[in-house]
Structures are given as structure tokens and as C-alpha cells.
């Protein structure tokens, strides 16, 4: 009987690009959406950027294999002093 998988969640790395693309394309397919190649390349570069006001990305690994992702950003909010986190994908 197998145990629970070893789960790790961490920021995206450049070496995650192939796995990230597979996961994001599957996510978009669920919503019956396809995008041009330039969108994938641009978005991944934004996710790796140093600007914390831009998009950020995390990847979930189960037993070392990509199993999930999230994209988010922090933005100003009219009702709050602190920035608010917006979950993109």
C-alpha cells in the first residue's frame, strides 16, 4: 500500500518551463482556450521576473513531478492600505 506523495510547493525556476507549459496548456484546455506561442513565452518570462508587482508563479511537485501551479500578483486596493493578492490561475 503506497503512502502519501511527497509534496513540495516552490517558486518557478527557469528549468520548470516545459512542465509549466504542460500544466498551463492543460489548464487553458479545460476552459477551451488556446493561445499563441508568444503568450506562453511572454507569460513565463513575466513569472520569472524580479518585479514583485508583476505576476509571480508557484509550482507544486508530487514526488518530484510537476502536479500543479498557481499564478498571482499583488495590487493596490481602494479599500485597503496594503496590497491585495489576486489569484490569476
C-alpha atoms as a PDB file:
ATOM      1  CA  UNK A   1       0.000   0.000   0.000  1.00  0.00           C
ATOM      2  CA  UNK A   2       1.509   3.316  -1.104  1.00  0.00           C
ATOM      3  CA  UNK A   3       1.942   6.246   1.211  1.00  0.00           C
ATOM      4  CA  UNK A   4       1.128   9.860   0.612  1.00  0.00           C
ATOM      5  CA  UNK A   5       3.209  11.625  -2.037  1.00  0.00           C
ATOM      6  CA  UNK A   6       5.973  13.987  -1.018  1.00  0.00           C
ATOM      7  CA  UNK A   7       4.542  17.440  -1.844  1.00  0.00           C
ATOM      8  CA  UNK A   8       6.726  20.482  -2.422  1.00  0.00           C
ATOM      9  CA  UNK A   9       5.498  23.961  -3.403  1.00  0.00           C
ATOM     10  CA  UNK A  10       8.081  26.472  -4.548  1.00  0.00           C
ATOM     11  CA  UNK A  11       8.625  29.439  -6.878  1.00  0.00           C
ATOM     12  CA  UNK A  12       9.034  28.651 -10.553  1.00  0.00           C
ATOM     13  CA  UNK A  13      12.538  28.137 -11.886  1.00  0.00           C
ATOM     14  CA  UNK A  14      13.704  28.512 -15.479  1.00  0.00           C
ATOM     15  CA  UNK A  15      14.181  24.733 -15.546  1.00  0.00           C
ATOM     16  CA  UNK A  16      10.419  24.298 -14.914  1.00  0.00           C
ATOM     17  CA  UNK A  17       9.389  25.779 -18.258  1.00  0.00           C
ATOM     18  CA  UNK A  18       8.496  22.511 -20.022  1.00  0.00           C
ATOM     19  CA  UNK A  19       6.485  21.186 -17.072  1.00  0.00           C
ATOM     20  CA  UNK A  20       4.878  24.595 -16.534  1.00  0.00           C
ATOM     21  CA  UNK A  21       3.797  24.768 -20.180  1.00  0.00           C
ATOM     22  CA  UNK A  22       2.213  21.324 -19.984  1.00  0.00           C
ATOM     23  CA  UNK A  23       0.284  22.260 -16.848  1.00  0.00           C
ATOM     24  CA  UNK A  24      -0.802  25.680 -18.115  1.00  0.00           C
ATOM     25  CA  UNK A  25      -1.867  24.323 -21.507  1.00  0.00           C
ATOM     26  CA  UNK A  26      -3.964  21.677 -19.721  1.00  0.00           C
ATOM     27  CA  UNK A  27      -5.484  24.400 -17.524  1.00  0.00           C
ATOM     28  CA  UNK A  28      -6.357  26.503 -20.572  1.00  0.00           C
ATOM     29  CA  UNK A  29      -7.738  23.458 -22.421  1.00  0.00           C
ATOM     30  CA  UNK A  30     -10.163  22.927 -19.538  1.00  0.00           C
ATOM     31  CA  UNK A  31     -11.550  26.379 -20.387  1.00  0.00           C
ATOM     32  CA  UNK A  32     -11.470  25.525 -24.121  1.00  0.00           C
ATOM     33  CA  UNK A  33      -8.792  28.151 -24.711  1.00  0.00           C
ATOM     34  CA  UNK A  34      -5.617  28.166 -26.762  1.00  0.00           C
ATOM     35  CA  UNK A  35      -3.110  30.989 -27.012  1.00  0.00           C
ATOM     36  CA  UNK A  36      -0.381  31.901 -29.499  1.00  0.00           C
ATOM     37  CA  UNK A  37       3.160  30.765 -28.662  1.00  0.00           C
ATOM     38  CA  UNK A  38       4.230  34.344 -27.879  1.00  0.00           C
ATOM     39  CA  UNK A  39       1.776  34.400 -24.962  1.00  0.00           C
ATOM     40  CA  UNK A  40       3.385  31.344 -23.338  1.00  0.00           C
ATOM     41  CA  UNK A  41       6.912  32.691 -23.742  1.00  0.00           C
ATOM     42  CA  UNK A  42       5.998  36.186 -22.516  1.00  0.00           C
ATOM     43  CA  UNK A  43       3.973  34.976 -19.543  1.00  0.00           C
ATOM     44  CA  UNK A  44       6.695  32.598 -18.378  1.00  0.00           C
ATOM     45  CA  UNK A  45       9.275  35.405 -18.538  1.00  0.00           C
ATOM     46  CA  UNK A  46       6.965  37.641 -16.506  1.00  0.00           C
ATOM     47  CA  UNK A  47       6.548  34.905 -13.913  1.00  0.00           C
ATOM     48  CA  UNK A  48      10.329  34.683 -13.536  1.00  0.00           C
ATOM     49  CA  UNK A  49      10.797  38.448 -13.326  1.00  0.00           C
ATOM     50  CA  UNK A  50      12.186  40.327 -10.343  1.00  0.00           C
ATOM     51  CA  UNK A  51       9.299  42.800 -10.180  1.00  0.00           C
ATOM     52  CA  UNK A  52       7.044  41.625  -7.345  1.00  0.00           C
ATOM     53  CA  UNK A  53       4.322  43.947  -8.685  1.00  0.00           C
ATOM     54  CA  UNK A  54       4.181  41.783 -11.784  1.00  0.00           C
ATOM     55  CA  UNK A  55       2.988  38.182 -11.919  1.00  0.00           C
ATOM     56  CA  UNK A  56       4.559  35.536  -9.721  1.00  0.00           C
ATOM     57  CA  UNK A  57       4.270  31.792 -10.050  1.00  0.00           C
ATOM     58  CA  UNK A  58       4.499  28.715  -7.870  1.00  0.00           C
ATOM     59  CA  UNK A  59       4.710  25.101  -8.925  1.00  0.00           C
ATOM     60  CA  UNK A  60       3.617  22.082  -6.902  1.00  0.00           C
ATOM     61  CA  UNK A  61       5.649  18.895  -7.140  1.00  0.00           C
ATOM     62  CA  UNK A  62       4.372  15.482  -6.075  1.00  0.00           C
ATOM     63  CA  UNK A  63       7.234  13.050  -5.621  1.00  0.00           C
ATOM     64  CA  UNK A  64       9.386  15.406  -7.701  1.00  0.00           C
ATOM     65  CA  UNK A  65       6.962  15.568 -10.645  1.00  0.00           C
ATOM     66  CA  UNK A  66       5.061  18.751 -11.588  1.00  0.00           C
ATOM     67  CA  UNK A  67       1.473  18.377 -10.376  1.00  0.00           C
ATOM     68  CA  UNK A  68       0.035  21.897 -10.124  1.00  0.00           C
ATOM     69  CA  UNK A  69       0.650  25.596 -10.498  1.00  0.00           C
ATOM     70  CA  UNK A  70      -0.599  28.971  -9.419  1.00  0.00           C
ATOM     71  CA  UNK A  71      -0.069  32.470 -10.781  1.00  0.00           C
ATOM     72  CA  UNK A  72      -0.746  35.526  -8.678  1.00  0.00           C
ATOM     73  CA  UNK A  73       0.018  39.187  -8.261  1.00  0.00           C
ATOM     74  CA  UNK A  74      -0.298  41.820  -5.578  1.00  0.00           C
ATOM     75  CA  UNK A  75      -2.036  45.072  -6.472  1.00  0.00           C
ATOM     76  CA  UNK A  76      -3.287  48.247  -4.851  1.00  0.00           C
ATOM     77  CA  UNK A  77      -6.790  48.208  -3.475  1.00  0.00           C
ATOM     78  CA  UNK A  78      -9.168  51.081  -2.934  1.00  0.00           C
ATOM     79  CA  UNK A  79     -10.405  49.849   0.445  1.00  0.00           C
ATOM     80  CA  UNK A  80      -7.123  48.754   1.975  1.00  0.00           C
ATOM     81  CA  UNK A  81      -3.729  50.289   2.655  1.00  0.00           C
ATOM     82  CA  UNK A  82      -1.867  47.060   1.960  1.00  0.00           C
ATOM     83  CA  UNK A  83      -1.756  45.451  -1.445  1.00  0.00           C
ATOM     84  CA  UNK A  84      -4.238  42.664  -2.163  1.00  0.00           C
ATOM     85  CA  UNK A  85      -3.319  39.292  -3.610  1.00  0.00           C
ATOM     86  CA  UNK A  86      -5.108  38.388  -6.831  1.00  0.00           C
ATOM     87  CA  UNK A  87      -5.076  34.738  -7.854  1.00  0.00           C
ATOM     88  CA  UNK A  88      -4.770  34.673 -11.628  1.00  0.00           C
ATOM     89  CA  UNK A  89      -4.657  30.950 -12.498  1.00  0.00           C
END
